[in-house]
Amino acid sequence: MEQGQNGYLFVNDEILQKVDDKMPPEEELDDLADFFKIFGDATRLKILYVLLCSEMCVLDIAKILDVSQSAVSHQLRILKQMDLVKNRRDGKTIFYSLADSHIVTILSQGLDHIEE
């Protein structure tokens, strides 16, 4: 809203249209909100940081974080559903790693922001 010469407030339709044109569709914003919710859990963040350093199996992640294997498996399932981690099988062992470099960027920029 802007104030006109007569002192009355009015809506700037040009600015509203510009903003509306740049807004993603509602469904994409909902998906983005769900994506960021994933980062709201400390255990999931710890798992992501572990995988930032190295590909690992559930047993190794559980050991380094001092949490149960079932807790790690549960969180990895959530991270995999959101395409944040991927896995590969080597015999009977499944190894997990970050899905792509976007995750590294998100973690790095988030930490940079916190440390400012």
N, C-alpha and C. Protein backbone atom coordinates (compact mmCIF):
# COMPACT_ATOMS: atom_id res chain seq x y z
N MET A 1 0.83 -1.18 0.00
CA MET A 1 0.00 0.00 0.00
C MET A 1 0.88 1.24 0.00
N GLU A 2 0.42 2.20 -0.72
CA GLU A 2 1.13 3.47 -0.78
C GLU A 2 0.16 4.59 -0.45
N GLN A 3 0.72 5.69 -0.05
CA GLN A 3 -0.12 6.84 0.27
C GLN A 3 -0.13 7.80 -0.92
N GLY A 4 -1.34 8.13 -1.39
CA GLY A 4 -1.48 9.04 -2.51
C GLY A 4 -1.38 10.49 -2.07
N GLN A 5 -1.47 11.39 -3.03
CA GLN A 5 -1.37 12.83 -2.76
C GLN A 5 -2.47 13.31 -1.82
N ASN A 6 -3.63 12.68 -1.89
CA ASN A 6 -4.73 13.10 -1.05
C ASN A 6 -4.67 12.50 0.36
N GLY A 7 -3.61 11.72 0.64
CA GLY A 7 -3.45 11.14 1.97
C GLY A 7 -4.08 9.77 2.13
N TYR A 8 -4.85 9.33 1.15
CA TYR A 8 -5.50 8.02 1.22
C TYR A 8 -4.51 6.93 0.78
N LEU A 9 -4.68 5.75 1.37
CA LEU A 9 -3.85 4.61 0.99
C LEU A 9 -4.44 3.94 -0.24
N PHE A 10 -3.57 3.44 -1.11
CA PHE A 10 -4.04 2.70 -2.27
C PHE A 10 -3.09 1.54 -2.54
N VAL A 11 -3.60 0.55 -3.22
CA VAL A 11 -2.82 -0.63 -3.58
C VAL A 11 -2.09 -0.35 -4.89
N ASN A 12 -0.83 -0.71 -4.93
CA ASN A 12 -0.04 -0.54 -6.15
C ASN A 12 -0.20 -1.82 -6.98
N ASP A 13 -1.12 -1.79 -7.93
CA ASP A 13 -1.43 -2.97 -8.74
C ASP A 13 -0.22 -3.48 -9.52
N GLU A 14 0.64 -2.59 -9.94
CA GLU A 14 1.83 -3.00 -10.71
C GLU A 14 2.75 -3.87 -9.86
N ILE A 15 2.98 -3.45 -8.63
CA ILE A 15 3.84 -4.23 -7.73
C ILE A 15 3.17 -5.55 -7.39
N LEU A 16 1.88 -5.52 -7.10
CA LEU A 16 1.16 -6.76 -6.79
C LEU A 16 1.24 -7.75 -7.94
N GLN A 17 1.10 -7.28 -9.16
CA GLN A 17 1.17 -8.17 -10.32
C GLN A 17 2.57 -8.73 -10.49
N LYS A 18 3.58 -7.90 -10.28
CA LYS A 18 4.98 -8.35 -10.39
C LYS A 18 5.27 -9.47 -9.37
N VAL A 19 4.81 -9.26 -8.14
CA VAL A 19 5.03 -10.27 -7.10
C VAL A 19 4.23 -11.53 -7.43
N ASP A 20 2.98 -11.37 -7.84
CA ASP A 20 2.13 -12.51 -8.16
C ASP A 20 2.73 -13.34 -9.30
N ASP A 21 3.34 -12.68 -10.27
CA ASP A 21 3.96 -13.38 -11.40
C ASP A 21 5.16 -14.22 -10.96
N LYS A 22 5.82 -13.81 -9.89
CA LYS A 22 7.02 -14.52 -9.42
C LYS A 22 6.71 -15.60 -8.39
N MET A 23 5.51 -15.59 -7.84
CA MET A 23 5.15 -16.57 -6.81
C MET A 23 5.00 -17.96 -7.44
N PRO A 24 5.66 -18.96 -6.85
CA PRO A 24 5.48 -20.33 -7.34
C PRO A 24 4.03 -20.78 -7.07
N PRO A 25 3.59 -21.80 -7.78
CA PRO A 25 2.25 -22.34 -7.53
C PRO A 25 2.13 -22.86 -6.09
N GLU A 26 0.92 -22.86 -5.59
CA GLU A 26 0.65 -23.28 -4.19
C GLU A 26 1.20 -24.67 -3.90
N GLU A 27 1.05 -25.60 -4.83
CA GLU A 27 1.52 -26.96 -4.63
C GLU A 27 3.05 -26.99 -4.45
N GLU A 28 3.76 -26.19 -5.23
CA GLU A 28 5.22 -26.13 -5.09
C GLU A 28 5.62 -25.54 -3.74
N LEU A 29 4.90 -24.53 -3.28
CA LEU A 29 5.20 -23.95 -1.97
C LEU A 29 4.94 -24.95 -0.86
N ASP A 30 3.88 -25.76 -0.99
CA ASP A 30 3.61 -26.81 -0.01
C ASP A 30 4.75 -27.83 0.01
N ASP A 31 5.21 -28.23 -1.18
CA ASP A 31 6.32 -29.18 -1.28
C ASP A 31 7.60 -28.58 -0.68
N LEU A 32 7.82 -27.31 -0.91
CA LEU A 32 9.00 -26.64 -0.35
C LEU A 32 8.93 -26.59 1.17
N ALA A 33 7.74 -26.33 1.70
CA ALA A 33 7.56 -26.32 3.16
C ALA A 33 7.86 -27.70 3.73
N ASP A 34 7.37 -28.75 3.07
CA ASP A 34 7.67 -30.12 3.52
C ASP A 34 9.16 -30.41 3.46
N PHE A 35 9.81 -29.93 2.41
CA PHE A 35 11.25 -30.12 2.25
C PHE A 35 12.00 -29.50 3.42
N PHE A 36 11.65 -28.27 3.78
CA PHE A 36 12.36 -27.60 4.87
C PHE A 36 12.02 -28.20 6.23
N LYS A 37 10.87 -28.83 6.37
CA LYS A 37 10.53 -29.50 7.63
C LYS A 37 11.53 -30.62 7.94
N ILE A 38 12.03 -31.24 6.89
CA ILE A 38 12.99 -32.33 7.06
C ILE A 38 14.22 -31.85 7.84
N PHE A 39 14.59 -30.60 7.63
CA PHE A 39 15.78 -30.05 8.29
C PHE A 39 15.48 -29.61 9.72
N GLY A 40 14.25 -29.81 10.19
CA GLY A 40 13.85 -29.40 11.53
C GLY A 40 14.11 -30.45 12.60
N ASP A 41 14.74 -31.54 12.24
CA ASP A 41 15.02 -32.61 13.19
C ASP A 41 16.53 -32.77 13.34
N ALA A 42 17.01 -32.67 14.58
CA ALA A 42 18.46 -32.71 14.83
C ALA A 42 19.09 -34.03 14.40
N THR A 43 18.41 -35.13 14.61
CA THR A 43 18.98 -36.43 14.22
C THR A 43 19.15 -36.51 12.70
N ARG A 44 18.15 -36.04 11.97
CA ARG A 44 18.28 -36.06 10.51
C ARG A 44 19.43 -35.16 10.06
N LEU A 45 19.56 -33.99 10.68
CA LEU A 45 20.68 -33.10 10.33
C LEU A 45 22.02 -33.77 10.62
N LYS A 46 22.12 -34.44 11.75
CA LYS A 46 23.36 -35.14 12.09
C LYS A 46 23.68 -36.21 11.04
N ILE A 47 22.66 -36.94 10.63
CA ILE A 47 22.86 -37.97 9.61
C ILE A 47 23.35 -37.33 8.31
N LEU A 48 22.73 -36.24 7.93
CA LEU A 48 23.16 -35.55 6.71
C LEU A 48 24.61 -35.08 6.81
N TYR A 49 24.99 -34.56 7.97
CA TYR A 49 26.38 -34.11 8.13
C TYR A 49 27.36 -35.28 8.12
N VAL A 50 26.96 -36.41 8.69
CA VAL A 50 27.80 -37.61 8.62
C VAL A 50 28.00 -38.00 7.16
N LEU A 51 26.90 -38.00 6.41
CA LEU A 51 26.99 -38.40 5.00
C LEU A 51 27.68 -37.36 4.14
N LEU A 52 27.76 -36.15 4.64
CA LEU A 52 28.54 -35.11 3.96
C LEU A 52 30.02 -35.49 3.97
N CYS A 53 30.43 -36.18 5.03
CA CYS A 53 31.83 -36.59 5.18
C CYS A 53 32.15 -37.88 4.44
N SER A 54 31.19 -38.82 4.47
CA SER A 54 31.48 -40.12 3.89
C SER A 54 30.21 -40.93 3.68
N GLU A 55 30.25 -41.77 2.69
CA GLU A 55 29.20 -42.77 2.50
C GLU A 55 29.29 -43.74 3.68
N MET A 56 28.14 -44.14 4.24
CA MET A 56 28.16 -45.04 5.39
C MET A 56 26.95 -45.96 5.41
N CYS A 57 27.09 -47.05 6.15
CA CYS A 57 25.98 -47.95 6.38
C CYS A 57 25.28 -47.56 7.69
N VAL A 58 24.10 -48.14 7.91
CA VAL A 58 23.30 -47.83 9.09
C VAL A 58 24.08 -48.08 10.37
N LEU A 59 24.77 -49.20 10.44
CA LEU A 59 25.52 -49.55 11.64
C LEU A 59 26.56 -48.48 11.99
N ASP A 60 27.31 -48.02 11.00
CA ASP A 60 28.33 -47.01 11.24
C ASP A 60 27.71 -45.66 11.64
N ILE A 61 26.62 -45.30 11.00
CA ILE A 61 25.95 -44.04 11.35
C ILE A 61 25.43 -44.11 12.78
N ALA A 62 24.82 -45.23 13.14
CA ALA A 62 24.30 -45.40 14.50
C ALA A 62 25.42 -45.31 15.52
N LYS A 63 26.55 -45.92 15.20
CA LYS A 63 27.70 -45.91 16.12
C LYS A 63 28.25 -44.49 16.30
N ILE A 64 28.45 -43.78 15.22
CA ILE A 64 29.05 -42.44 15.32
C ILE A 64 28.10 -41.45 16.00
N LEU A 65 26.79 -41.63 15.83
CA LEU A 65 25.82 -40.71 16.44
C LEU A 65 25.33 -41.19 17.80
N ASP A 66 25.70 -42.41 18.17
CA ASP A 66 25.28 -43.00 19.45
C ASP A 66 23.75 -43.05 19.57
N VAL A 67 23.13 -43.54 18.51
CA VAL A 67 21.68 -43.78 18.51
C VAL A 67 21.43 -45.19 17.98
N SER A 68 20.22 -45.68 18.16
CA SER A 68 19.91 -47.05 17.74
C SER A 68 19.88 -47.17 16.22
N GLN A 69 20.15 -48.39 15.75
CA GLN A 69 20.09 -48.65 14.31
C GLN A 69 18.68 -48.42 13.78
N SER A 70 17.67 -48.78 14.59
CA SER A 70 16.29 -48.59 14.13
C SER A 70 15.96 -47.10 13.98
N ALA A 71 16.49 -46.27 14.88
CA ALA A 71 16.26 -44.82 14.77
C ALA A 71 16.92 -44.27 13.51
N VAL A 72 18.12 -44.73 13.23
CA VAL A 72 18.83 -44.29 12.02
C VAL A 72 18.09 -44.76 10.78
N SER A 73 17.66 -46.01 10.77
CA SER A 73 16.92 -46.55 9.62
C SER A 73 15.64 -45.75 9.37
N HIS A 74 14.94 -45.43 10.44
CA HIS A 74 13.71 -44.66 10.32
C HIS A 74 13.98 -43.29 9.69
N GLN A 75 15.00 -42.60 10.18
CA GLN A 75 15.33 -41.28 9.66
C GLN A 75 15.85 -41.36 8.22
N LEU A 76 16.63 -42.38 7.92
CA LEU A 76 17.12 -42.56 6.55
C LEU A 76 15.96 -42.80 5.58
N ARG A 77 14.95 -43.53 6.03
CA ARG A 77 13.78 -43.77 5.19
C ARG A 77 13.10 -42.45 4.83
N ILE A 78 12.96 -41.56 5.82
CA ILE A 78 12.37 -40.24 5.59
C ILE A 78 13.24 -39.42 4.64
N LEU A 79 14.55 -39.41 4.88
CA LEU A 79 15.48 -38.66 4.03
C LEU A 79 15.47 -39.20 2.59
N LYS A 80 15.34 -40.51 2.46
CA LYS A 80 15.31 -41.11 1.12
C LYS A 80 14.01 -40.75 0.41
N GLN A 81 12.89 -40.76 1.13
CA GLN A 81 11.60 -40.39 0.53
C GLN A 81 11.62 -38.96 0.00
N MET A 82 12.38 -38.09 0.66
CA MET A 82 12.48 -36.69 0.23
C MET A 82 13.63 -36.46 -0.75
N ASP A 83 14.25 -37.55 -1.20
CA ASP A 83 15.35 -37.51 -2.18
C ASP A 83 16.57 -36.73 -1.67
N LEU A 84 16.81 -36.80 -0.37
CA LEU A 84 18.00 -36.15 0.19
C LEU A 84 19.17 -37.12 0.30
N VAL A 85 18.87 -38.41 0.39
CA VAL A 85 19.93 -39.42 0.40
C VAL A 85 19.60 -40.49 -0.64
N LYS A 86 20.65 -41.19 -1.03
CA LYS A 86 20.49 -42.33 -1.95
C LYS A 86 21.24 -43.50 -1.34
N ASN A 87 21.01 -44.68 -1.86
CA ASN A 87 21.72 -45.84 -1.32
C ASN A 87 22.20 -46.74 -2.44
N ARG A 88 23.14 -47.58 -2.06
CA ARG A 88 23.64 -48.61 -2.97
C ARG A 88 23.92 -49.86 -2.15
N ARG A 89 23.72 -50.99 -2.75
CA ARG A 89 23.93 -52.26 -2.07
C ARG A 89 25.29 -52.83 -2.45
N ASP A 90 25.99 -53.34 -1.42
CA ASP A 90 27.24 -54.06 -1.63
C ASP A 90 27.12 -55.36 -0.84
N GLY A 91 26.73 -56.42 -1.53
CA GLY A 91 26.44 -57.68 -0.83
C GLY A 91 25.19 -57.50 0.01
N LYS A 92 25.31 -57.76 1.32
CA LYS A 92 24.17 -57.60 2.22
C LYS A 92 24.11 -56.21 2.84
N THR A 93 25.13 -55.42 2.62
CA THR A 93 25.22 -54.10 3.26
C THR A 93 24.71 -53.01 2.32
N ILE A 94 23.92 -52.10 2.87
CA ILE A 94 23.43 -50.95 2.11
C ILE A 94 24.18 -49.72 2.60
N PHE A 95 24.77 -49.01 1.66
CA PHE A 95 25.50 -47.79 1.98
C PHE A 95 24.69 -46.58 1.54
N TYR A 96 24.69 -45.57 2.39
CA TYR A 96 23.94 -44.34 2.13
C TYR A 96 24.90 -43.19 1.87
N SER A 97 24.45 -42.27 1.01
CA SER A 97 25.22 -41.07 0.72
C SER A 97 24.22 -39.95 0.39
N LEU A 98 24.73 -38.72 0.35
CA LEU A 98 23.87 -37.60 -0.02
C LEU A 98 23.42 -37.76 -1.47
N ALA A 99 22.21 -37.34 -1.75
CA ALA A 99 21.64 -37.54 -3.08
C ALA A 99 22.35 -36.71 -4.15
N ASP A 100 22.73 -35.47 -3.81
CA ASP A 100 23.39 -34.62 -4.79
C ASP A 100 24.04 -33.42 -4.12
N SER A 101 24.68 -32.60 -4.92
CA SER A 101 25.43 -31.45 -4.38
C SER A 101 24.52 -30.36 -3.83
N HIS A 102 23.23 -30.37 -4.21
CA HIS A 102 22.31 -29.37 -3.66
C HIS A 102 22.23 -29.49 -2.14
N ILE A 103 22.27 -30.71 -1.64
CA ILE A 103 22.17 -30.93 -0.20
C ILE A 103 23.38 -30.34 0.51
N VAL A 104 24.54 -30.51 -0.09
CA VAL A 104 25.77 -29.93 0.46
C VAL A 104 25.63 -28.41 0.54
N THR A 105 25.13 -27.81 -0.52
CA THR A 105 24.95 -26.36 -0.56
C THR A 105 23.97 -25.88 0.51
N ILE A 106 22.86 -26.58 0.64
CA ILE A 106 21.85 -26.20 1.64
C ILE A 106 22.44 -26.27 3.05
N LEU A 107 23.13 -27.35 3.34
CA LEU A 107 23.74 -27.50 4.68
C LEU A 107 24.80 -26.42 4.92
N SER A 108 25.64 -26.20 3.93
CA SER A 108 26.72 -25.20 4.07
C SER A 108 26.15 -23.80 4.26
N GLN A 109 25.18 -23.43 3.44
CA GLN A 109 24.61 -22.09 3.55
C GLN A 109 23.82 -21.93 4.85
N GLY A 110 23.14 -22.96 5.29
CA GLY A 110 22.43 -22.91 6.56
C GLY A 110 23.38 -22.67 7.72
N LEU A 111 24.48 -23.41 7.72
CA LEU A 111 25.47 -23.25 8.78
C LEU A 111 26.13 -21.88 8.71
N ASP A 112 26.44 -21.41 7.51
CA ASP A 112 27.01 -20.07 7.35
C ASP A 112 26.08 -19.02 7.93
N HIS A 113 24.80 -19.17 7.68
CA HIS A 113 23.82 -18.20 8.18
C HIS A 113 23.78 -18.21 9.71
N ILE A 114 23.82 -19.40 10.30
CA ILE A 114 23.78 -19.51 11.76
C ILE A 114 25.03 -18.89 12.39
N GLU A 115 26.17 -19.06 11.74
CA GLU A 115 27.45 -18.61 12.29
C GLU A 115 27.69 -17.11 12.10
N GLU A 116 26.84 -16.42 11.32
CA GLU A 116 27.04 -14.97 11.09
C GLU A 116 26.78 -14.18 12.34
